Amino acid sequence: INKTISIHKKIANVKHIDKSDFCIRNI
């Protein structure tokens, strides 16, 4: 009952997320 949706982009470094990446707009 708990789903996620994304573009399945590989996150290179989960410790330092790229805050200039707006790929969420492509969903």
mmCIF file of all heavy atoms, coordinates in Angstrom:
data_MODEL
# 
_entry.id   MODEL 
# 
loop_
_atom_site.group_PDB 
_atom_site.id 
_atom_site.type_symbol 
_atom_site.label_atom_id 
_atom_site.label_alt_id 
_atom_site.label_comp_id 
_atom_site.label_asym_id 
_atom_site.label_entity_id 
_atom_site.label_seq_id 
_atom_site.pdbx_PDB_ins_code 
_atom_site.Cartn_x 
_atom_site.Cartn_y 
_atom_site.Cartn_z 
_atom_site.occupancy 
_atom_site.B_iso_or_equiv 
_atom_site.pdbx_formal_charge 
_atom_site.auth_seq_id 
_atom_site.auth_comp_id 
_atom_site.auth_asym_id 
_atom_site.auth_atom_id 
_atom_site.pdbx_PDB_model_num 
ATOM 1   N N   . ILE A 1 1  ? 0.807  -1.228 0.000   1.00 0.00 ? 1  ILE A N   1 
ATOM 2   C CA  . ILE A 1 1  ? 0.000  0.000  0.000   1.00 0.00 ? 1  ILE A CA  1 
ATOM 3   C C   . ILE A 1 1  ? 0.841  1.280  0.000   1.00 0.00 ? 1  ILE A C   1 
ATOM 4   O O   . ILE A 1 1  ? 0.293  2.374  -0.110  1.00 0.00 ? 1  ILE A O   1 
ATOM 5   C CB  . ILE A 1 1  ? -0.973 0.041  1.200   1.00 0.00 ? 1  ILE A CB  1 
ATOM 6   C CG1 . ILE A 1 1  ? -0.204 0.067  2.531   1.00 0.00 ? 1  ILE A CG1 1 
ATOM 7   C CG2 . ILE A 1 1  ? -1.949 -1.122 1.142   1.00 0.00 ? 1  ILE A CG2 1 
ATOM 8   C CD1 . ILE A 1 1  ? -1.085 0.369  3.727   1.00 0.00 ? 1  ILE A CD1 1 
ATOM 9   N N   . ASN A 1 2  ? 2.148  1.142  0.124   1.00 0.00 ? 2  ASN A N   1 
ATOM 10  C CA  . ASN A 1 2  ? 3.033  2.318  0.126   1.00 0.00 ? 2  ASN A CA  1 
ATOM 11  C C   . ASN A 1 2  ? 3.953  2.240  -1.080  1.00 0.00 ? 2  ASN A C   1 
ATOM 12  O O   . ASN A 1 2  ? 4.849  1.389  -1.141  1.00 0.00 ? 2  ASN A O   1 
ATOM 13  C CB  . ASN A 1 2  ? 3.849  2.378  1.417   1.00 0.00 ? 2  ASN A CB  1 
ATOM 14  C CG  . ASN A 1 2  ? 2.981  2.406  2.664   1.00 0.00 ? 2  ASN A CG  1 
ATOM 15  O OD1 . ASN A 1 2  ? 2.938  1.443  3.416   1.00 0.00 ? 2  ASN A OD1 1 
ATOM 16  N ND2 . ASN A 1 2  ? 2.256  3.486  2.864   1.00 0.00 ? 2  ASN A ND2 1 
ATOM 17  N N   . LYS A 1 3  ? 3.708  3.115  -2.055  1.00 0.00 ? 3  LYS A N   1 
ATOM 18  C CA  . LYS A 1 3  ? 4.425  3.067  -3.319  1.00 0.00 ? 3  LYS A CA  1 
ATOM 19  C C   . LYS A 1 3  ? 5.316  4.295  -3.496  1.00 0.00 ? 3  LYS A C   1 
ATOM 20  O O   . LYS A 1 3  ? 5.080  5.350  -2.903  1.00 0.00 ? 3  LYS A O   1 
ATOM 21  C CB  . LYS A 1 3  ? 3.429  2.999  -4.479  1.00 0.00 ? 3  LYS A CB  1 
ATOM 22  C CG  . LYS A 1 3  ? 2.433  1.844  -4.388  1.00 0.00 ? 3  LYS A CG  1 
ATOM 23  C CD  . LYS A 1 3  ? 3.127  0.488  -4.408  1.00 0.00 ? 3  LYS A CD  1 
ATOM 24  C CE  . LYS A 1 3  ? 2.110  -0.646 -4.391  1.00 0.00 ? 3  LYS A CE  1 
ATOM 25  N NZ  . LYS A 1 3  ? 2.776  -1.979 -4.384  1.00 0.00 ? 3  LYS A NZ  1 
ATOM 26  N N   . THR A 1 4  ? 6.332  4.141  -4.318  1.00 0.00 ? 4  THR A N   1 
ATOM 27  C CA  . THR A 1 4  ? 7.173  5.270  -4.707  1.00 0.00 ? 4  THR A CA  1 
ATOM 28  C C   . THR A 1 4  ? 7.166  5.378  -6.227  1.00 0.00 ? 4  THR A C   1 
ATOM 29  O O   . THR A 1 4  ? 6.906  4.396  -6.929  1.00 0.00 ? 4  THR A O   1 
ATOM 30  C CB  . THR A 1 4  ? 8.628  5.099  -4.227  1.00 0.00 ? 4  THR A CB  1 
ATOM 31  O OG1 . THR A 1 4  ? 9.209  3.963  -4.879  1.00 0.00 ? 4  THR A OG1 1 
ATOM 32  C CG2 . THR A 1 4  ? 8.702  4.927  -2.723  1.00 0.00 ? 4  THR A CG2 1 
ATOM 33  N N   . ILE A 1 5  ? 7.445  6.579  -6.705  1.00 0.00 ? 5  ILE A N   1 
ATOM 34  C CA  . ILE A 1 5  ? 7.571  6.775  -8.144  1.00 0.00 ? 5  ILE A CA  1 
ATOM 35  C C   . ILE A 1 5  ? 8.751  7.702  -8.394  1.00 0.00 ? 5  ILE A C   1 
ATOM 36  O O   . ILE A 1 5  ? 8.950  8.688  -7.682  1.00 0.00 ? 5  ILE A O   1 
ATOM 37  C CB  . ILE A 1 5  ? 6.273  7.332  -8.757  1.00 0.00 ? 5  ILE A CB  1 
ATOM 38  C CG1 . ILE A 1 5  ? 6.360  7.340  -10.287 1.00 0.00 ? 5  ILE A CG1 1 
ATOM 39  C CG2 . ILE A 1 5  ? 5.919  8.713  -8.200  1.00 0.00 ? 5  ILE A CG2 1 
ATOM 40  C CD1 . ILE A 1 5  ? 5.011  7.502  -10.972 1.00 0.00 ? 5  ILE A CD1 1 
ATOM 41  N N   . SER A 1 6  ? 9.559  7.360  -9.376  1.00 0.00 ? 6  SER A N   1 
ATOM 42  C CA  . SER A 1 6  ? 10.738 8.155  -9.707  1.00 0.00 ? 6  SER A CA  1 
ATOM 43  C C   . SER A 1 6  ? 11.105 7.866  -11.158 1.00 0.00 ? 6  SER A C   1 
ATOM 44  O O   . SER A 1 6  ? 10.453 7.060  -11.828 1.00 0.00 ? 6  SER A O   1 
ATOM 45  C CB  . SER A 1 6  ? 11.913 7.799  -8.792  1.00 0.00 ? 6  SER A CB  1 
ATOM 46  O OG  . SER A 1 6  ? 12.400 6.500  -9.099  1.00 0.00 ? 6  SER A OG  1 
ATOM 47  N N   . ILE A 1 7  ? 12.167 8.497  -11.641 1.00 0.00 ? 7  ILE A N   1 
ATOM 48  C CA  . ILE A 1 7  ? 12.642 8.188  -12.993 1.00 0.00 ? 7  ILE A CA  1 
ATOM 49  C C   . ILE A 1 7  ? 13.769 7.159  -12.932 1.00 0.00 ? 7  ILE A C   1 
ATOM 50  O O   . ILE A 1 7  ? 14.440 6.896  -13.926 1.00 0.00 ? 7  ILE A O   1 
ATOM 51  C CB  . ILE A 1 7  ? 13.108 9.449  -13.737 1.00 0.00 ? 7  ILE A CB  1 
ATOM 52  C CG1 . ILE A 1 7  ? 14.269 10.123 -12.995 1.00 0.00 ? 7  ILE A CG1 1 
ATOM 53  C CG2 . ILE A 1 7  ? 11.962 10.423 -13.926 1.00 0.00 ? 7  ILE A CG2 1 
ATOM 54  C CD1 . ILE A 1 7  ? 14.932 11.211 -13.814 1.00 0.00 ? 7  ILE A CD1 1 
ATOM 55  N N   . HIS A 1 8  ? 13.962 6.582  -11.724 1.00 0.00 ? 8  HIS A N   1 
ATOM 56  C CA  . HIS A 1 8  ? 14.965 5.533  -11.506 1.00 0.00 ? 8  HIS A CA  1 
ATOM 57  C C   . HIS A 1 8  ? 16.366 5.991  -11.916 1.00 0.00 ? 8  HIS A C   1 
ATOM 58  O O   . HIS A 1 8  ? 17.146 5.228  -12.497 1.00 0.00 ? 8  HIS A O   1 
ATOM 59  C CB  . HIS A 1 8  ? 14.586 4.253  -12.252 1.00 0.00 ? 8  HIS A CB  1 
ATOM 60  C CG  . HIS A 1 8  ? 13.295 3.674  -11.774 1.00 0.00 ? 8  HIS A CG  1 
ATOM 61  N ND1 . HIS A 1 8  ? 13.177 3.006  -10.582 1.00 0.00 ? 8  HIS A ND1 1 
ATOM 62  C CD2 . HIS A 1 8  ? 12.055 3.689  -12.330 1.00 0.00 ? 8  HIS A CD2 1 
ATOM 63  C CE1 . HIS A 1 8  ? 11.928 2.609  -10.419 1.00 0.00 ? 8  HIS A CE1 1 
ATOM 64  N NE2 . HIS A 1 8  ? 11.223 3.017  -11.458 1.00 0.00 ? 8  HIS A NE2 1 
ATOM 65  N N   . LYS A 1 9  ? 16.648 7.231  -11.599 1.00 0.00 ? 9  LYS A N   1 
ATOM 66  C CA  . LYS A 1 9  ? 17.977 7.761  -11.889 1.00 0.00 ? 9  LYS A CA  1 
ATOM 67  C C   . LYS A 1 9  ? 18.968 7.232  -10.867 1.00 0.00 ? 9  LYS A C   1 
ATOM 68  O O   . LYS A 1 9  ? 18.690 7.197  -9.661  1.00 0.00 ? 9  LYS A O   1 
ATOM 69  C CB  . LYS A 1 9  ? 17.940 9.295  -11.835 1.00 0.00 ? 9  LYS A CB  1 
ATOM 70  C CG  . LYS A 1 9  ? 19.274 9.949  -12.136 1.00 0.00 ? 9  LYS A CG  1 
ATOM 71  C CD  . LYS A 1 9  ? 19.132 11.466 -12.210 1.00 0.00 ? 9  LYS A CD  1 
ATOM 72  C CE  . LYS A 1 9  ? 20.459 12.105 -12.572 1.00 0.00 ? 9  LYS A CE  1 
ATOM 73  N NZ  . LYS A 1 9  ? 20.324 13.582 -12.728 1.00 0.00 ? 9  LYS A NZ  1 
ATOM 74  N N   . LYS A 1 10 ? 20.131 6.832  -11.304 1.00 0.00 ? 10 LYS A N   1 
ATOM 75  C CA  . LYS A 1 10 ? 21.150 6.351  -10.386 1.00 0.00 ? 10 LYS A CA  1 
ATOM 76  C C   . LYS A 1 10 ? 21.757 7.552  -9.664  1.00 0.00 ? 10 LYS A C   1 
ATOM 77  O O   . LYS A 1 10 ? 22.270 8.478  -10.278 1.00 0.00 ? 10 LYS A O   1 
ATOM 78  C CB  . LYS A 1 10 ? 22.236 5.585  -11.141 1.00 0.00 ? 10 LYS A CB  1 
ATOM 79  C CG  . LYS A 1 10 ? 23.304 5.001  -10.220 1.00 0.00 ? 10 LYS A CG  1 
ATOM 80  C CD  . LYS A 1 10 ? 24.254 4.108  -10.982 1.00 0.00 ? 10 LYS A CD  1 
ATOM 81  C CE  . LYS A 1 10 ? 25.375 3.586  -10.090 1.00 0.00 ? 10 LYS A CE  1 
ATOM 82  N NZ  . LYS A 1 10 ? 24.870 2.830  -8.935  1.00 0.00 ? 10 LYS A NZ  1 
ATOM 83  N N   . ILE A 1 11 ? 21.673 7.515  -8.342  1.00 0.00 ? 11 ILE A N   1 
ATOM 84  C CA  . ILE A 1 11 ? 22.233 8.594  -7.528  1.00 0.00 ? 11 ILE A CA  1 
ATOM 85  C C   . ILE A 1 11 ? 23.686 8.251  -7.228  1.00 0.00 ? 11 ILE A C   1 
ATOM 86  O O   . ILE A 1 11 ? 23.967 7.275  -6.525  1.00 0.00 ? 11 ILE A O   1 
ATOM 87  C CB  . ILE A 1 11 ? 21.441 8.776  -6.221  1.00 0.00 ? 11 ILE A CB  1 
ATOM 88  C CG1 . ILE A 1 11 ? 19.938 8.877  -6.500  1.00 0.00 ? 11 ILE A CG1 1 
ATOM 89  C CG2 . ILE A 1 11 ? 21.948 9.988  -5.446  1.00 0.00 ? 11 ILE A CG2 1 
ATOM 90  C CD1 . ILE A 1 11 ? 19.529 10.068 -7.308  1.00 0.00 ? 11 ILE A CD1 1 
ATOM 91  N N   . ALA A 1 12 ? 24.585 9.020  -7.764  1.00 0.00 ? 12 ALA A N   1 
ATOM 92  C CA  . ALA A 1 12 ? 26.016 8.695  -7.659  1.00 0.00 ? 12 ALA A CA  1 
ATOM 93  C C   . ALA A 1 12 ? 26.517 8.729  -6.221  1.00 0.00 ? 12 ALA A C   1 
ATOM 94  O O   . ALA A 1 12 ? 27.292 7.865  -5.802  1.00 0.00 ? 12 ALA A O   1 
ATOM 95  C CB  . ALA A 1 12 ? 26.825 9.667  -8.520  1.00 0.00 ? 12 ALA A CB  1 
ATOM 96  N N   . ASN A 1 13 ? 26.082 9.715  -5.447  1.00 0.00 ? 13 ASN A N   1 
ATOM 97  C CA  . ASN A 1 13 ? 26.578 9.870  -4.075  1.00 0.00 ? 13 ASN A CA  1 
ATOM 98  C C   . ASN A 1 13 ? 25.415 10.278 -3.182  1.00 0.00 ? 13 ASN A C   1 
ATOM 99  O O   . ASN A 1 13 ? 25.015 11.434 -3.153  1.00 0.00 ? 13 ASN A O   1 
ATOM 100 C CB  . ASN A 1 13 ? 27.678 10.929 -4.034  1.00 0.00 ? 13 ASN A CB  1 
ATOM 101 C CG  . ASN A 1 13 ? 28.344 11.017 -2.663  1.00 0.00 ? 13 ASN A CG  1 
ATOM 102 O OD1 . ASN A 1 13 ? 27.872 10.433 -1.684  1.00 0.00 ? 13 ASN A OD1 1 
ATOM 103 N ND2 . ASN A 1 13 ? 29.438 11.751 -2.594  1.00 0.00 ? 13 ASN A ND2 1 
ATOM 104 N N   . VAL A 1 14 ? 24.865 9.322  -2.436  1.00 0.00 ? 14 VAL A N   1 
ATOM 105 C CA  . VAL A 1 14 ? 23.688 9.606  -1.611  1.00 0.00 ? 14 VAL A CA  1 
ATOM 106 C C   . VAL A 1 14 ? 24.021 10.490 -0.417  1.00 0.00 ? 14 VAL A C   1 
ATOM 107 O O   . VAL A 1 14 ? 23.110 11.031 0.228   1.00 0.00 ? 14 VAL A O   1 
ATOM 108 C CB  . VAL A 1 14 ? 23.015 8.301  -1.127  1.00 0.00 ? 14 VAL A CB  1 
ATOM 109 C CG1 . VAL A 1 14 ? 22.511 7.490  -2.305  1.00 0.00 ? 14 VAL A CG1 1 
ATOM 110 C CG2 . VAL A 1 14 ? 23.957 7.475  -0.267  1.00 0.00 ? 14 VAL A CG2 1 
ATOM 111 N N   . LYS A 1 15 ? 25.300 10.640 -0.103  1.00 0.00 ? 15 LYS A N   1 
ATOM 112 C CA  . LYS A 1 15 ? 25.688 11.535 0.994   1.00 0.00 ? 15 LYS A CA  1 
ATOM 113 C C   . LYS A 1 15 ? 25.629 12.997 0.570   1.00 0.00 ? 15 LYS A C   1 
ATOM 114 O O   . LYS A 1 15 ? 25.496 13.895 1.405   1.00 0.00 ? 15 LYS A O   1 
ATOM 115 C CB  . LYS A 1 15 ? 27.101 11.207 1.482   1.00 0.00 ? 15 LYS A CB  1 
ATOM 116 C CG  . LYS A 1 15 ? 27.227 9.900  2.238   1.00 0.00 ? 15 LYS A CG  1 
ATOM 117 C CD  . LYS A 1 15 ? 28.634 9.747  2.814   1.00 0.00 ? 15 LYS A CD  1 
ATOM 118 C CE  . LYS A 1 15 ? 28.769 8.432  3.579   1.00 0.00 ? 15 LYS A CE  1 
ATOM 119 N NZ  . LYS A 1 15 ? 30.122 8.294  4.186   1.00 0.00 ? 15 LYS A NZ  1 
ATOM 120 N N   . HIS A 1 16 ? 25.742 13.235 -0.718  1.00 0.00 ? 16 HIS A N   1 
ATOM 121 C CA  . HIS A 1 16 ? 25.755 14.609 -1.224  1.00 0.00 ? 16 HIS A CA  1 
ATOM 122 C C   . HIS A 1 16 ? 24.830 14.701 -2.441  1.00 0.00 ? 16 HIS A C   1 
ATOM 123 O O   . HIS A 1 16 ? 25.261 14.521 -3.578  1.00 0.00 ? 16 HIS A O   1 
ATOM 124 C CB  . HIS A 1 16 ? 27.181 15.038 -1.579  1.00 0.00 ? 16 HIS A CB  1 
ATOM 125 C CG  . HIS A 1 16 ? 28.138 14.950 -0.428  1.00 0.00 ? 16 HIS A CG  1 
ATOM 126 N ND1 . HIS A 1 16 ? 28.156 15.870 0.594   1.00 0.00 ? 16 HIS A ND1 1 
ATOM 127 C CD2 . HIS A 1 16 ? 29.089 14.019 -0.131  1.00 0.00 ? 16 HIS A CD2 1 
ATOM 128 C CE1 . HIS A 1 16 ? 29.088 15.530 1.474   1.00 0.00 ? 16 HIS A CE1 1 
ATOM 129 N NE2 . HIS A 1 16 ? 29.663 14.416 1.066   1.00 0.00 ? 16 HIS A NE2 1 
ATOM 130 N N   . ILE A 1 17 ? 23.567 14.990 -2.173  1.00 0.00 ? 17 ILE A N   1 
ATOM 131 C CA  . ILE A 1 17 ? 22.561 15.073 -3.225  1.00 0.00 ? 17 ILE A CA  1 
ATOM 132 C C   . ILE A 1 17 ? 22.736 16.367 -4.013  1.00 0.00 ? 17 ILE A C   1 
ATOM 133 O O   . ILE A 1 17 ? 22.959 17.439 -3.442  1.00 0.00 ? 17 ILE A O   1 
ATOM 134 C CB  . ILE A 1 17 ? 21.148 15.013 -2.619  1.00 0.00 ? 17 ILE A CB  1 
ATOM 135 C CG1 . ILE A 1 17 ? 20.953 13.696 -1.860  1.00 0.00 ? 17 ILE A CG1 1 
ATOM 136 C CG2 . ILE A 1 17 ? 20.093 15.171 -3.693  1.00 0.00 ? 17 ILE A CG2 1 
ATOM 137 C CD1 . ILE A 1 17 ? 21.075 12.458 -2.699  1.00 0.00 ? 17 ILE A CD1 1 
ATOM 138 N N   . ASP A 1 18 ? 22.622 16.258 -5.317  1.00 0.00 ? 18 ASP A N   1 
ATOM 139 C CA  . ASP A 1 18 ? 22.736 17.426 -6.190  1.00 0.00 ? 18 ASP A CA  1 
ATOM 140 C C   . ASP A 1 18 ? 21.432 18.231 -6.145  1.00 0.00 ? 18 ASP A C   1 
ATOM 141 O O   . ASP A 1 18 ? 20.427 17.840 -6.726  1.00 0.00 ? 18 ASP A O   1 
ATOM 142 C CB  . ASP A 1 18 ? 23.024 16.967 -7.630  1.00 0.00 ? 18 ASP A CB  1 
ATOM 143 C CG  . ASP A 1 18 ? 23.203 18.129 -8.598  1.00 0.00 ? 18 ASP A CG  1 
ATOM 144 O OD1 . ASP A 1 18 ? 23.151 19.301 -8.155  1.00 0.00 ? 18 ASP A OD1 1 
ATOM 145 O OD2 . ASP A 1 18 ? 23.389 17.863 -9.801  1.00 0.00 ? 18 ASP A OD2 1 
ATOM 146 N N   . LYS A 1 19 ? 21.465 19.366 -5.456  1.00 0.00 ? 19 LYS A N   1 
ATOM 147 C CA  . LYS A 1 19 ? 20.252 20.166 -5.276  1.00 0.00 ? 19 LYS A CA  1 
ATOM 148 C C   . LYS A 1 19 ? 19.895 20.973 -6.516  1.00 0.00 ? 19 LYS A C   1 
ATOM 149 O O   . LYS A 1 19 ? 18.857 21.635 -6.554  1.00 0.00 ? 19 LYS A O   1 
ATOM 150 C CB  . LYS A 1 19 ? 20.403 21.082 -4.064  1.00 0.00 ? 19 LYS A CB  1 
ATOM 151 C CG  . LYS A 1 19 ? 20.467 20.318 -2.741  1.00 0.00 ? 19 LYS A CG  1 
ATOM 152 C CD  . LYS A 1 19 ? 20.510 21.249 -1.552  1.00 0.00 ? 19 LYS A CD  1 
ATOM 153 C CE  . LYS A 1 19 ? 20.547 20.446 -0.251  1.00 0.00 ? 19 LYS A CE  1 
ATOM 154 N NZ  . LYS A 1 19 ? 20.570 21.332 0.945   1.00 0.00 ? 19 LYS A NZ  1 
ATOM 155 N N   . SER A 1 20 ? 20.735 20.910 -7.530  1.00 0.00 ? 20 SER A N   1 
ATOM 156 C CA  . SER A 1 20 ? 20.420 21.584 -8.795  1.00 0.00 ? 20 SER A CA  1 
ATOM 157 C C   . SER A 1 20 ? 19.775 20.634 -9.800  1.00 0.00 ? 20 SER A C   1 
ATOM 158 O O   . SER A 1 20 ? 19.469 21.018 -10.919 1.00 0.00 ? 20 SER A O   1 
ATOM 159 C CB  . SER A 1 20 ? 21.696 22.195 -9.404  1.00 0.00 ? 20 SER A CB  1 
ATOM 160 O OG  . SER A 1 20 ? 22.604 21.166 -9.795  1.00 0.00 ? 20 SER A OG  1 
ATOM 161 N N   . ASP A 1 21 ? 19.584 19.390 -9.378  1.00 0.00 ? 21 ASP A N   1 
ATOM 162 C CA  . ASP A 1 21 ? 18.992 18.370 -10.240 1.00 0.00 ? 21 ASP A CA  1 
ATOM 163 C C   . ASP A 1 21 ? 17.474 18.358 -10.044 1.00 0.00 ? 21 ASP A C   1 
ATOM 164 O O   . ASP A 1 21 ? 16.977 17.957 -8.996  1.00 0.00 ? 21 ASP A O   1 
ATOM 165 C CB  . ASP A 1 21 ? 19.586 17.006 -9.900  1.00 0.00 ? 21 ASP A CB  1 
ATOM 166 C CG  . ASP A 1 21 ? 19.084 15.896 -10.821 1.00 0.00 ? 21 ASP A CG  1 
ATOM 167 O OD1 . ASP A 1 21 ? 18.146 16.145 -11.600 1.00 0.00 ? 21 ASP A OD1 1 
ATOM 168 O OD2 . ASP A 1 21 ? 19.641 14.784 -10.756 1.00 0.00 ? 21 ASP A OD2 1 
ATOM 169 N N   . PHE A 1 22 ? 16.733 18.797 -11.063 1.00 0.00 ? 22 PHE A N   1 
ATOM 170 C CA  . PHE A 1 22 ? 15.276 18.864 -10.987 1.00 0.00 ? 22 PHE A CA  1 
ATOM 171 C C   . PHE A 1 22 ? 14.621 17.782 -11.853 1.00 0.00 ? 22 PHE A C   1 
ATOM 172 O O   . PHE A 1 22 ? 13.595 18.017 -12.491 1.00 0.00 ? 22 PHE A O   1 
ATOM 173 C CB  . PHE A 1 22 ? 14.794 20.255 -11.415 1.00 0.00 ? 22 PHE A CB  1 
ATOM 174 C CG  . PHE A 1 22 ? 15.051 21.322 -10.389 1.00 0.00 ? 22 PHE A CG  1 
ATOM 175 C CD1 . PHE A 1 22 ? 16.286 21.946 -10.315 1.00 0.00 ? 22 PHE A CD1 1 
ATOM 176 C CD2 . PHE A 1 22 ? 14.075 21.673 -9.471  1.00 0.00 ? 22 PHE A CD2 1 
ATOM 177 C CE1 . PHE A 1 22 ? 16.532 22.927 -9.360  1.00 0.00 ? 22 PHE A CE1 1 
ATOM 178 C CE2 . PHE A 1 22 ? 14.312 22.643 -8.510  1.00 0.00 ? 22 PHE A CE2 1 
ATOM 179 C CZ  . PHE A 1 22 ? 15.540 23.287 -8.449  1.00 0.00 ? 22 PHE A CZ  1 
ATOM 180 N N   . CYS A 1 23 ? 15.202 16.593 -11.829 1.00 0.00 ? 23 CYS A N   1 
ATOM 181 C CA  . CYS A 1 23 ? 14.667 15.497 -12.638 1.00 0.00 ? 23 CYS A CA  1 
ATOM 182 C C   . CYS A 1 23 ? 13.255 15.095 -12.222 1.00 0.00 ? 23 CYS A C   1 
ATOM 183 O O   . CYS A 1 23 ? 12.541 14.425 -12.991 1.00 0.00 ? 23 CYS A O   1 
ATOM 184 C CB  . CYS A 1 23 ? 15.596 14.290 -12.585 1.00 0.00 ? 23 CYS A CB  1 
ATOM 185 S SG  . CYS A 1 23 ? 15.842 13.600 -10.929 1.00 0.00 ? 23 CYS A SG  1 
ATOM 186 N N   . ILE A 1 24 ? 12.827 15.501 -11.041 1.00 0.00 ? 24 ILE A N   1 
ATOM 187 C CA  . ILE A 1 24 ? 11.465 15.186 -10.583 1.00 0.00 ? 24 ILE A CA  1 
ATOM 188 C C   . ILE A 1 24 ? 10.431 15.735 -11.558 1.00 0.00 ? 24 ILE A C   1 
ATOM 189 O O   . ILE A 1 24 ? 9.321  15.211 -11.678 1.00 0.00 ? 24 ILE A O   1 
ATOM 190 C CB  . ILE A 1 24 ? 11.233 15.741 -9.156  1.00 0.00 ? 24 ILE A CB  1 
ATOM 191 C CG1 . ILE A 1 24 ? 9.968  15.129 -8.540  1.00 0.00 ? 24 ILE A CG1 1 
ATOM 192 C CG2 . ILE A 1 24 ? 11.164 17.275 -9.148  1.00 0.00 ? 24 ILE A CG2 1 
ATOM 193 C CD1 . ILE A 1 24 ? 9.797  15.424 -7.062  1.00 0.00 ? 24 ILE A CD1 1 
ATOM 194 N N   . ARG A 1 25 ? 10.793 16.778 -12.298 1.00 0.00 ? 25 ARG A N   1 
ATOM 195 C CA  . ARG A 1 25 ? 9.871  17.392 -13.253 1.00 0.00 ? 25 ARG A CA  1 
ATOM 196 C C   . ARG A 1 25 ? 9.557  16.473 -14.430 1.00 0.00 ? 25 ARG A C   1 
ATOM 197 O O   . ARG A 1 25 ? 8.599  16.709 -15.170 1.00 0.00 ? 25 ARG A O   1 
ATOM 198 C CB  . ARG A 1 25 ? 10.468 18.704 -13.773 1.00 0.00 ? 25 ARG A CB  1 
ATOM 199 C CG  . ARG A 1 25 ? 10.652 19.767 -12.685 1.00 0.00 ? 25 ARG A CG  1 
ATOM 200 C CD  . ARG A 1 25 ? 11.417 20.967 -13.213 1.00 0.00 ? 25 ARG A CD  1 
ATOM 201 N NE  . ARG A 1 25 ? 11.569 22.008 -12.200 1.00 0.00 ? 25 ARG A NE  1 
ATOM 202 C CZ  . ARG A 1 25 ? 12.329 23.091 -12.334 1.00 0.00 ? 25 ARG A CZ  1 
ATOM 203 N NH1 . ARG A 1 25 ? 13.011 23.275 -13.474 1.00 0.00 ? 25 ARG A NH1 1 
ATOM 204 N NH2 . ARG A 1 25 ? 12.401 23.997 -11.375 1.00 0.00 ? 25 ARG A NH2 1 
ATOM 205 N N   . ASN A 1 26 ? 10.374 15.436 -14.613 1.00 0.00 ? 26 ASN A N   1 
ATOM 206 C CA  . ASN A 1 26 ? 10.193 14.528 -15.750 1.00 0.00 ? 26 ASN A CA  1 
ATOM 207 C C   . ASN A 1 26 ? 9.217  13.387 -15.466 1.00 0.00 ? 26 ASN A C   1 
ATOM 208 O O   . ASN A 1 26 ? 8.927  12.584 -16.356 1.00 0.00 ? 26 ASN A O   1 
ATOM 209 C CB  . ASN A 1 26 ? 11.546 13.952 -16.175 1.00 0.00 ? 26 ASN A CB  1 
ATOM 210 C CG  . ASN A 1 26 ? 12.524 15.022 -16.627 1.00 0.00 ? 26 ASN A CG  1 
ATOM 211 O OD1 . ASN A 1 26 ? 12.119 16.023 -17.220 1.00 0.00 ? 26 ASN A OD1 1 
ATOM 212 N ND2 . ASN A 1 26 ? 13.801 14.831 -16.340 1.00 0.00 ? 26 ASN A ND2 1 
ATOM 213 N N   . ILE A 1 27 ? 8.734  13.305 -14.259 1.00 0.00 ? 27 ILE A N   1 
ATOM 214 C CA  . ILE A 1 27 ? 7.791  12.237 -13.921 1.00 0.00 ? 27 ILE A CA  1 
ATOM 215 C C   . ILE A 1 27 ? 6.413  12.584 -14.480 1.00 0.00 ? 27 ILE A C   1 
ATOM 216 O O   . ILE A 1 27 ? 5.896  13.685 -14.275 1.00 0.00 ? 27 ILE A O   1 
ATOM 217 C CB  . ILE A 1 27 ? 7.724  12.033 -12.395 1.00 0.00 ? 27 ILE A CB  1 
ATOM 218 C CG1 . ILE A 1 27 ? 9.093  11.559 -11.874 1.00 0.00 ? 27 ILE A CG1 1 
ATOM 219 C CG2 . ILE A 1 27 ? 6.637  11.031 -12.022 1.00 0.00 ? 27 ILE A CG2 1 
ATOM 220 C CD1 . ILE A 1 27 ? 9.184  11.501 -10.371 1.00 0.00 ? 27 ILE A CD1 1 
# 
